[in-house]
N, C-alpha and C. Protein backbone atom coordinates (compact mmCIF):
# COMPACT_ATOMS: atom_id res chain seq x y z
N MET A 1 104.41 97.42 59.08
CA MET A 1 103.30 96.79 59.78
C MET A 1 103.75 95.47 60.42
N GLY A 2 104.69 94.78 59.77
CA GLY A 2 105.17 93.51 60.31
C GLY A 2 105.86 93.69 61.64
N PHE A 3 106.59 94.81 61.79
CA PHE A 3 107.27 95.07 63.06
C PHE A 3 106.27 95.30 64.18
N LEU A 4 105.22 96.06 63.91
CA LEU A 4 104.21 96.33 64.94
C LEU A 4 103.50 95.04 65.35
N HIS A 5 103.22 94.20 64.38
CA HIS A 5 102.58 92.93 64.70
C HIS A 5 103.49 92.07 65.55
N SER A 6 104.75 91.98 65.20
CA SER A 6 105.72 91.19 65.97
C SER A 6 105.86 91.74 67.38
N ALA A 7 105.90 93.07 67.50
CA ALA A 7 106.02 93.69 68.82
C ALA A 7 104.77 93.41 69.66
N ALA A 8 103.60 93.48 69.06
CA ALA A 8 102.36 93.21 69.79
C ALA A 8 102.30 91.76 70.24
N VAL A 9 102.73 90.86 69.39
CA VAL A 9 102.75 89.44 69.76
C VAL A 9 103.74 89.20 70.90
N ALA A 10 104.90 89.84 70.84
CA ALA A 10 105.90 89.68 71.89
C ALA A 10 105.40 90.22 73.22
N VAL A 11 104.77 91.38 73.20
CA VAL A 11 104.23 91.96 74.43
C VAL A 11 103.13 91.07 75.00
N THR A 12 102.27 90.56 74.14
CA THR A 12 101.20 89.66 74.59
C THR A 12 101.78 88.39 75.20
N ASP A 13 102.79 87.83 74.56
CA ASP A 13 103.42 86.62 75.08
C ASP A 13 104.05 86.86 76.45
N VAL A 14 104.71 87.99 76.60
CA VAL A 14 105.33 88.32 77.89
C VAL A 14 104.25 88.48 78.95
N CYS A 15 103.16 89.14 78.63
CA CYS A 15 102.07 89.32 79.60
C CYS A 15 101.47 87.97 80.01
N VAL A 16 101.28 87.08 79.07
CA VAL A 16 100.72 85.76 79.38
C VAL A 16 101.67 84.99 80.27
N VAL A 17 102.96 85.04 79.98
CA VAL A 17 103.94 84.32 80.80
C VAL A 17 103.97 84.90 82.22
N VAL A 18 103.97 86.22 82.35
CA VAL A 18 103.97 86.84 83.67
C VAL A 18 102.71 86.45 84.44
N PHE A 19 101.57 86.46 83.77
CA PHE A 19 100.31 86.07 84.42
C PHE A 19 100.37 84.63 84.91
N LEU A 20 100.84 83.72 84.07
CA LEU A 20 100.90 82.31 84.46
C LEU A 20 101.87 82.07 85.60
N VAL A 21 103.01 82.73 85.56
CA VAL A 21 103.98 82.58 86.65
C VAL A 21 103.40 83.12 87.96
N ALA A 22 102.76 84.28 87.89
CA ALA A 22 102.15 84.86 89.10
C ALA A 22 101.04 83.96 89.63
N TRP A 23 100.27 83.36 88.75
CA TRP A 23 99.20 82.47 89.16
C TRP A 23 99.78 81.24 89.87
N LEU A 24 100.81 80.65 89.29
CA LEU A 24 101.43 79.47 89.91
C LEU A 24 102.08 79.81 91.24
N VAL A 25 102.78 80.92 91.30
CA VAL A 25 103.41 81.32 92.57
C VAL A 25 102.34 81.59 93.63
N GLY A 26 101.26 82.24 93.25
CA GLY A 26 100.17 82.48 94.20
C GLY A 26 99.52 81.20 94.66
N ALA A 27 99.34 80.25 93.74
CA ALA A 27 98.73 78.97 94.12
C ALA A 27 99.63 78.22 95.10
N VAL A 28 100.92 78.22 94.85
CA VAL A 28 101.85 77.55 95.77
C VAL A 28 101.88 78.27 97.11
N TYR A 29 101.96 79.60 97.07
CA TYR A 29 102.04 80.38 98.31
C TYR A 29 100.79 80.21 99.16
N PHE A 30 99.63 80.42 98.55
CA PHE A 30 98.39 80.33 99.33
C PHE A 30 98.06 78.89 99.68
N GLY A 31 98.49 77.93 98.87
CA GLY A 31 98.31 76.53 99.23
C GLY A 31 99.13 76.17 100.45
N ALA A 32 100.37 76.65 100.51
CA ALA A 32 101.22 76.38 101.67
C ALA A 32 100.75 77.17 102.88
N LYS A 33 100.30 78.40 102.66
CA LYS A 33 99.84 79.24 103.76
C LYS A 33 98.55 78.70 104.35
N GLY A 34 97.68 78.16 103.50
CA GLY A 34 96.41 77.62 103.98
C GLY A 34 96.60 76.39 104.83
N GLY A 35 97.68 75.66 104.63
CA GLY A 35 97.97 74.50 105.45
C GLY A 35 96.93 73.42 105.31
N ARG A 36 96.50 73.14 104.09
CA ARG A 36 95.48 72.13 103.88
C ARG A 36 95.97 70.79 104.44
N GLY A 37 95.17 70.18 105.28
CA GLY A 37 95.53 68.89 105.86
C GLY A 37 96.32 69.01 107.14
N ARG A 38 96.70 70.19 107.50
CA ARG A 38 97.46 70.39 108.72
C ARG A 38 96.51 70.85 109.81
N PRO A 39 96.48 70.20 110.96
CA PRO A 39 95.56 70.62 112.01
C PRO A 39 95.87 72.03 112.50
N GLY A 40 94.85 72.83 112.65
CA GLY A 40 95.03 74.19 113.14
C GLY A 40 95.61 75.13 112.10
N GLY A 41 95.61 74.74 110.85
CA GLY A 41 96.20 75.58 109.81
C GLY A 41 95.39 76.82 109.51
N CYS A 42 94.12 76.80 109.85
CA CYS A 42 93.26 77.94 109.56
C CYS A 42 92.43 78.27 110.78
N VAL A 43 93.08 78.44 111.90
CA VAL A 43 92.37 78.75 113.13
C VAL A 43 91.83 80.17 113.04
N GLY A 44 90.56 80.35 113.24
CA GLY A 44 89.95 81.66 113.25
C GLY A 44 89.65 82.23 111.87
N CYS A 45 89.76 81.45 110.81
CA CYS A 45 89.48 81.97 109.48
C CYS A 45 88.03 82.44 109.37
N ARG A 46 87.11 81.66 109.88
CA ARG A 46 85.70 82.03 109.78
C ARG A 46 85.41 83.26 110.62
N ALA A 47 86.14 83.45 111.68
CA ALA A 47 85.90 84.61 112.52
C ALA A 47 86.31 85.90 111.80
N ARG A 48 87.24 85.82 110.86
CA ARG A 48 87.70 87.01 110.14
C ARG A 48 86.89 87.27 108.89
N CYS A 49 86.02 86.33 108.48
CA CYS A 49 85.24 86.50 107.26
C CYS A 49 84.09 87.47 107.51
N PRO A 50 83.75 88.26 106.49
CA PRO A 50 82.54 89.09 106.61
C PRO A 50 81.30 88.19 106.71
N ASP A 51 80.21 88.72 107.21
CA ASP A 51 79.00 87.93 107.45
C ASP A 51 78.47 87.27 106.18
N GLY A 52 78.65 87.87 105.03
CA GLY A 52 78.14 87.32 103.80
C GLY A 52 78.87 86.07 103.34
N PHE A 53 80.03 85.77 103.90
CA PHE A 53 80.81 84.65 103.45
C PHE A 53 80.79 83.47 104.41
N ARG A 54 79.97 83.51 105.42
CA ARG A 54 79.92 82.38 106.37
C ARG A 54 78.96 81.35 105.92
């Protein structure tokens, strides 16, 4: 039973690390892509949004 518990903890830890890394990479990517503070960084964004999001 100790082996199964250790394996489950290891798998959970790996999943958490992968999730956090993906979250950080996405935040950096979309933050740079959004061009916050850069003029014209989001030209036409509202035009591409569905009507419910305006």
